[in-house]
C-alpha atoms as a PDB file:
ATOM      1  CA  MET A   1       8.736  58.168 -21.580  1.00  0.00           C
ATOM      2  CA  ALA A   2       5.982  59.742 -19.272  1.00  0.00           C
ATOM      3  CA  THR A   3       5.086  63.510 -19.303  1.00  0.00           C
ATOM      4  CA  LYS A   4       2.998  65.215 -16.721  1.00  0.00           C
ATOM      5  CA  THR A   5      -0.006  67.196 -17.586  1.00  0.00           C
ATOM      6  CA  SER A   6      -2.278  69.150 -15.185  1.00  0.00           C
ATOM      7  CA  ARG A   7      -4.794  66.316 -14.907  1.00  0.00           C
ATOM      8  CA  ASN A   8      -3.535  63.289 -16.421  1.00  0.00           C
ATOM      9  CA  ILE A   9      -0.171  61.686 -17.104  1.00  0.00           C
ATOM     10  CA  LYS A  10       0.704  60.790 -20.630  1.00  0.00           C
ATOM     11  CA  LYS A  11       2.595  57.587 -21.273  1.00  0.00           C
ATOM     12  CA  VAL A  12       3.902  56.421 -24.700  1.00  0.00           C
ATOM     13  CA  THR A  13       2.885  52.904 -25.374  1.00  0.00           C
ATOM     14  CA  ALA A  14       4.783  50.207 -27.184  1.00  0.00           C
ATOM     15  CA  THR A  15       3.348  51.335 -30.381  1.00  0.00           C
ATOM     16  CA  GLY A  16       4.661  54.816 -29.809  1.00  0.00           C
ATOM     17  CA  ARG A  17       1.130  56.191 -29.231  1.00  0.00           C
ATOM     18  CA  PRO A  18       0.624  58.429 -26.178  1.00  0.00           C
ATOM     19  CA  ARG A  19      -2.026  57.156 -23.736  1.00  0.00           C
ATOM     20  CA  ARG A  20      -3.574  59.209 -20.872  1.00  0.00           C
ATOM     21  CA  VAL A  21      -3.442  57.354 -17.496  1.00  0.00           C
ATOM     22  CA  ALA A  22      -5.338  58.689 -14.443  1.00  0.00           C
ATOM     23  CA  ARG A  23      -2.966  60.184 -11.846  1.00  0.00           C
ATOM     24  CA  LYS A  24      -3.908  57.835  -8.942  1.00  0.00           C
ATOM     25  CA  ALA A  25      -3.761  54.700 -10.871  1.00  0.00           C
ATOM     26  CA  TYR A  26      -0.509  55.769 -12.146  1.00  0.00           C
ATOM     27  CA  ARG A  27       0.691  56.283  -8.646  1.00  0.00           C
ATOM     28  CA  ILE A  28      -0.590  53.029  -7.210  1.00  0.00           C
ATOM     29  CA  ALA A  29       0.830  51.086 -10.284  1.00  0.00           C
ATOM     30  CA  SER A  30       4.397  52.838  -9.813  1.00  0.00           C
ATOM     31  CA  THR A  31       4.668  52.142  -6.090  1.00  0.00           C
ATOM     32  CA  ALA A  32       3.276  48.593  -6.019  1.00  0.00           C
ATOM     33  CA  GLY A  33       6.494  47.012  -6.766  1.00  0.00           C
ATOM     34  CA  ARG A  34       8.887  48.898  -4.665  1.00  0.00           C
ATOM     35  CA  ARG A  35      10.865  46.990  -2.142  1.00  0.00           C
ATOM     36  CA  GLY A  36       9.669  47.854   1.428  1.00  0.00           C
ATOM     37  CA  ALA A  37       6.217  48.936   0.262  1.00  0.00           C
ATOM     38  CA  VAL A  38       3.604  49.178   2.811  1.00  0.00           C
ATOM     39  CA  GLY A  39       0.392  47.534   2.507  1.00  0.00           C
ATOM     40  CA  PRO A  40      -3.168  48.438   3.681  1.00  0.00           C
ATOM     41  CA  SER A  41      -3.863  49.976   7.038  1.00  0.00           C
ATOM     42  CA  GLY A  42      -0.364  51.043   7.520  1.00  0.00           C
ATOM     43  CA  SER A  43       0.987  47.580   7.998  1.00  0.00           C
ATOM     44  CA  MET A  44       4.565  47.013   7.340  1.00  0.00           C
ATOM     45  CA  PRO A  45       6.353  43.955   5.958  1.00  0.00           C
ATOM     46  CA  GLY A  46       5.974  41.203   8.416  1.00  0.00           C
ATOM     47  CA  GLY A  47       2.284  42.208   9.246  1.00  0.00           C
ATOM     48  CA  VAL A  48       2.773  44.603  12.019  1.00  0.00           C
ATOM     49  CA  SER A  49       0.907  47.766  11.829  1.00  0.00           C
ATOM     50  CA  VAL A  50       1.343  51.108  13.236  1.00  0.00           C
ATOM     51  CA  LEU A  51      -1.639  50.736  15.614  1.00  0.00           C
ATOM     52  CA  GLU A  52      -0.123  47.373  16.991  1.00  0.00           C
ATOM     53  CA  ILE A  53       3.169  49.066  17.459  1.00  0.00           C
ATOM     54  CA  ARG A  54       1.288  51.913  19.611  1.00  0.00           C
ATOM     55  CA  HIS A  55      -1.003  49.511  21.420  1.00  0.00           C
ATOM     56  CA  GLY A  56       2.135  47.242  22.243  1.00  0.00           C
ATOM     57  CA  LEU A  57       3.856  50.272  23.821  1.00  0.00           C
ATOM     58  CA  HIS A  58       0.523  51.235  25.637  1.00  0.00           C
ATOM     59  CA  LEU A  59       0.772  54.772  24.326  1.00  0.00           C
ATOM     60  CA  GLY A  60      -1.807  57.266  23.390  1.00  0.00           C
ATOM     61  CA  ARG A  61      -1.331  59.064  19.920  1.00  0.00           C
ATOM     62  CA  ARG A  62       0.034  62.287  21.663  1.00  0.00           C
ATOM     63  CA  LEU A  63       3.002  60.588  23.282  1.00  0.00           C
ATOM     64  CA  PHE A  64       3.551  58.132  20.365  1.00  0.00           C
ATOM     65  CA  SER A  65       3.609  61.205  18.129  1.00  0.00           C
ATOM     66  CA  ARG A  66       6.455  62.772  20.255  1.00  0.00           C
ATOM     67  CA  ILE A  67       8.386  59.388  20.170  1.00  0.00           C
ATOM     68  CA  THR A  68       8.189  59.171  16.259  1.00  0.00           C
ATOM     69  CA  GLY A  69       8.371  62.883  15.452  1.00  0.00           C
ATOM     70  CA  PHE A  70       5.332  62.663  13.234  1.00  0.00           C
ATOM     71  CA  SER A  71       1.875  64.433  13.820  1.00  0.00           C
ATOM     72  CA  GLU A  72      -0.946  62.828  15.515  1.00  0.00           C
ATOM     73  CA  ARG A  73      -2.967  63.396  12.313  1.00  0.00           C
ATOM     74  CA  ALA A  74      -0.270  61.389  10.250  1.00  0.00           C
ATOM     75  CA  ILE A  75      -0.171  58.588  12.962  1.00  0.00           C
ATOM     76  CA  ALA A  76      -4.148  58.460  12.756  1.00  0.00           C
ATOM     77  CA  ASP A  77      -3.978  58.255   8.789  1.00  0.00           C
ATOM     78  CA  TRP A  78      -1.615  55.426   8.986  1.00  0.00           C
ATOM     79  CA  GLU A  79      -3.537  53.574  11.579  1.00  0.00           C
ATOM     80  CA  GLY A  80      -6.512  54.040   9.333  1.00  0.00           C
ATOM     81  CA  SER A  81      -5.518  53.068   5.685  1.00  0.00           C
ATOM     82  CA  LYS A  82      -2.906  55.538   4.371  1.00  0.00           C
ATOM     83  CA  PRO A  83       0.487  53.806   3.515  1.00  0.00           C
ATOM     84  CA  LEU A  84       3.432  54.828   5.170  1.00  0.00           C
ATOM     85  CA  SER A  85       6.193  56.750   3.360  1.00  0.00           C
ATOM     86  CA  GLY A  86       9.972  55.861   3.166  1.00  0.00           C
ATOM     87  CA  PRO A  87      11.014  57.976   6.253  1.00  0.00           C
ATOM     88  CA  SER A  88       8.062  57.006   8.413  1.00  0.00           C
ATOM     89  CA  LEU A  89       8.494  53.190   7.621  1.00  0.00           C
ATOM     90  CA  LEU A  90      12.152  53.507   8.853  1.00  0.00           C
ATOM     91  CA  LYS A  91      11.026  55.235  11.873  1.00  0.00           C
ATOM     92  CA  MET A  92       8.202  52.733  12.849  1.00  0.00           C
ATOM     93  CA  ARG A  93      10.580  49.910  12.149  1.00  0.00           C
ATOM     94  CA  GLU A  94      13.105  51.535  14.587  1.00  0.00           C
ATOM     95  CA  ILE A  95      10.314  52.003  17.152  1.00  0.00           C
ATOM     96  CA  ALA A  96       9.082  48.465  16.762  1.00  0.00           C
ATOM     97  CA  ARG A  97      12.646  47.267  17.354  1.00  0.00           C
ATOM     98  CA  LEU A  98      12.740  49.476  20.429  1.00  0.00           C
ATOM     99  CA  ARG A  99       9.292  47.947  21.658  1.00  0.00           C
ATOM    100  CA  ALA A 100      10.760  44.442  21.212  1.00  0.00           C
ATOM    101  CA  ALA A 101      13.903  45.290  23.127  1.00  0.00           C
ATOM    102  CA  LEU A 102      11.969  47.035  26.047  1.00  0.00           C
ATOM    103  CA  ASN A 103       9.843  43.693  26.091  1.00  0.00           C
ATOM    104  CA  THR A 104      12.922  41.820  27.037  1.00  0.00           C
ATOM    105  CA  ILE A 105      13.813  43.871  30.220  1.00  0.00           C
ATOM    106  CA  MET A 106      10.198  44.961  31.340  1.00  0.00           C
ATOM    107  CA  ARG A 107       6.488  43.586  31.104  1.00  0.00           C
ATOM    108  CA  GLU A 108       4.873  45.218  28.032  1.00  0.00           C
ATOM    109  CA  GLU A 109       2.028  46.884  30.127  1.00  0.00           C
ATOM    110  CA  PHE A 110       4.583  48.948  31.995  1.00  0.00           C
ATOM    111  CA  ILE A 111       6.464  50.534  28.923  1.00  0.00           C
ATOM    112  CA  GLY A 112       4.063  53.298  28.454  1.00  0.00           C
ATOM    113  CA  ALA A 113       4.420  54.417  31.924  1.00  0.00           C
ATOM    114  CA  TRP A 114       8.086  54.073  31.829  1.00  0.00           C
ATOM    115  CA  LEU A 115       8.591  56.156  28.742  1.00  0.00           C
ATOM    116  CA  ASP A 116       6.703  58.903  30.335  1.00  0.00           C
ATOM    117  CA  THR A 117       8.272  58.811  33.705  1.00  0.00           C
ATOM    118  CA  PRO A 118      11.295  60.893  34.786  1.00  0.00           C
ATOM    119  CA  ASN A 119      14.399  58.553  35.031  1.00  0.00           C
ATOM    120  CA  PRO A 120      17.626  59.260  36.963  1.00  0.00           C
ATOM    121  CA  ALA A 121      19.545  57.205  34.703  1.00  0.00           C
ATOM    122  CA  PHE A 122      18.826  60.122  32.208  1.00  0.00           C
ATOM    123  CA  GLN A 123      19.706  63.033  34.448  1.00  0.00           C
ATOM    124  CA  GLY A 124      15.811  63.269  35.452  1.00  0.00           C
ATOM    125  CA  LEU A 125      14.576  63.229  31.868  1.00  0.00           C
ATOM    126  CA  LYS A 126      11.775  61.209  30.855  1.00  0.00           C
ATOM    127  CA  PRO A 127      12.859  58.531  28.184  1.00  0.00           C
ATOM    128  CA  VAL A 128      10.384  60.251  25.654  1.00  0.00           C
ATOM    129  CA  GLU A 129      12.192  63.397  26.010  1.00  0.00           C
ATOM    130  CA  VAL A 130      15.540  61.672  25.490  1.00  0.00           C
ATOM    131  CA  ILE A 131      14.102  60.220  22.242  1.00  0.00           C
ATOM    132  CA  GLU A 132      12.620  63.620  21.066  1.00  0.00           C
ATOM    133  CA  ARG A 133      16.362  65.060  21.636  1.00  0.00           C
ATOM    134  CA  GLY A 134      17.667  62.550  19.095  1.00  0.00           C
ATOM    135  CA  GLU A 135      19.349  60.577  21.956  1.00  0.00           C
ATOM    136  CA  ILE A 136      17.771  57.124  21.333  1.00  0.00           C
ATOM    137  CA  ASP A 137      20.994  55.594  21.696  1.00  0.00           C
ATOM    138  CA  ARG A 138      21.026  56.390  25.436  1.00  0.00           C
ATOM    139  CA  ILE A 139      17.794  54.096  25.653  1.00  0.00           C
ATOM    140  CA  TRP A 140      19.470  51.348  23.585  1.00  0.00           C
ATOM    141  CA  ARG A 141      22.517  51.493  25.851  1.00  0.00           C
ATOM    142  CA  MET A 142      20.257  51.144  28.828  1.00  0.00           C
ATOM    143  CA  VAL A 143      18.452  48.224  27.363  1.00  0.00           C
ATOM    144  CA  TYR A 144      21.823  46.599  26.719  1.00  0.00           C
ATOM    145  CA  GLU A 145      23.189  47.302  30.215  1.00  0.00           C
ATOM    146  CA  VAL A 146      20.004  45.965  32.010  1.00  0.00           C
ATOM    147  CA  GLY A 147      19.904  43.035  29.872  1.00  0.00           C
ATOM    148  CA  SER A 148      23.356  41.850  29.957  1.00  0.00           C
ATOM    149  CA  GLY A 149      23.541  42.435  33.945  1.00  0.00           C
ATOM    150  CA  GLU A 150      26.681  44.605  33.409  1.00  0.00           C
ATOM    151  CA  PRO A 151      27.107  47.174  36.032  1.00  0.00           C
ATOM    152  CA  THR A 152      27.354  50.735  34.972  1.00  0.00           C
END
């Protein structure tokens, strides 16, 4: 049984005696064994980091933050050493998958420019605007149609 205090956390040991544990050390130990935990430098399981995803898309932080929905400051922190949280980890996995899918239909160095260029397939919207609107499924459908060669 653990109870919180203003500065430290009290834990009851096996002998039943309370033990004071520094909050940061407790937090690190309690999250170390979680499934899907993120390692140092914002790296996700599989060794891909937020910085690698952003560079793979050839995007600056501003445009990458629009795509992910997270602030530029949060992205900078993750590219540094701050670990990803649950929601951010899910979003980064989705963006990494999107990057891999886009790589199958266009060269990697064109992805960033494509994301920021108005596209008639999206009624003149930029793909980044489509993603911001929560309609990323339209991008996935386009990737499928281009990759399969099916006419629309």
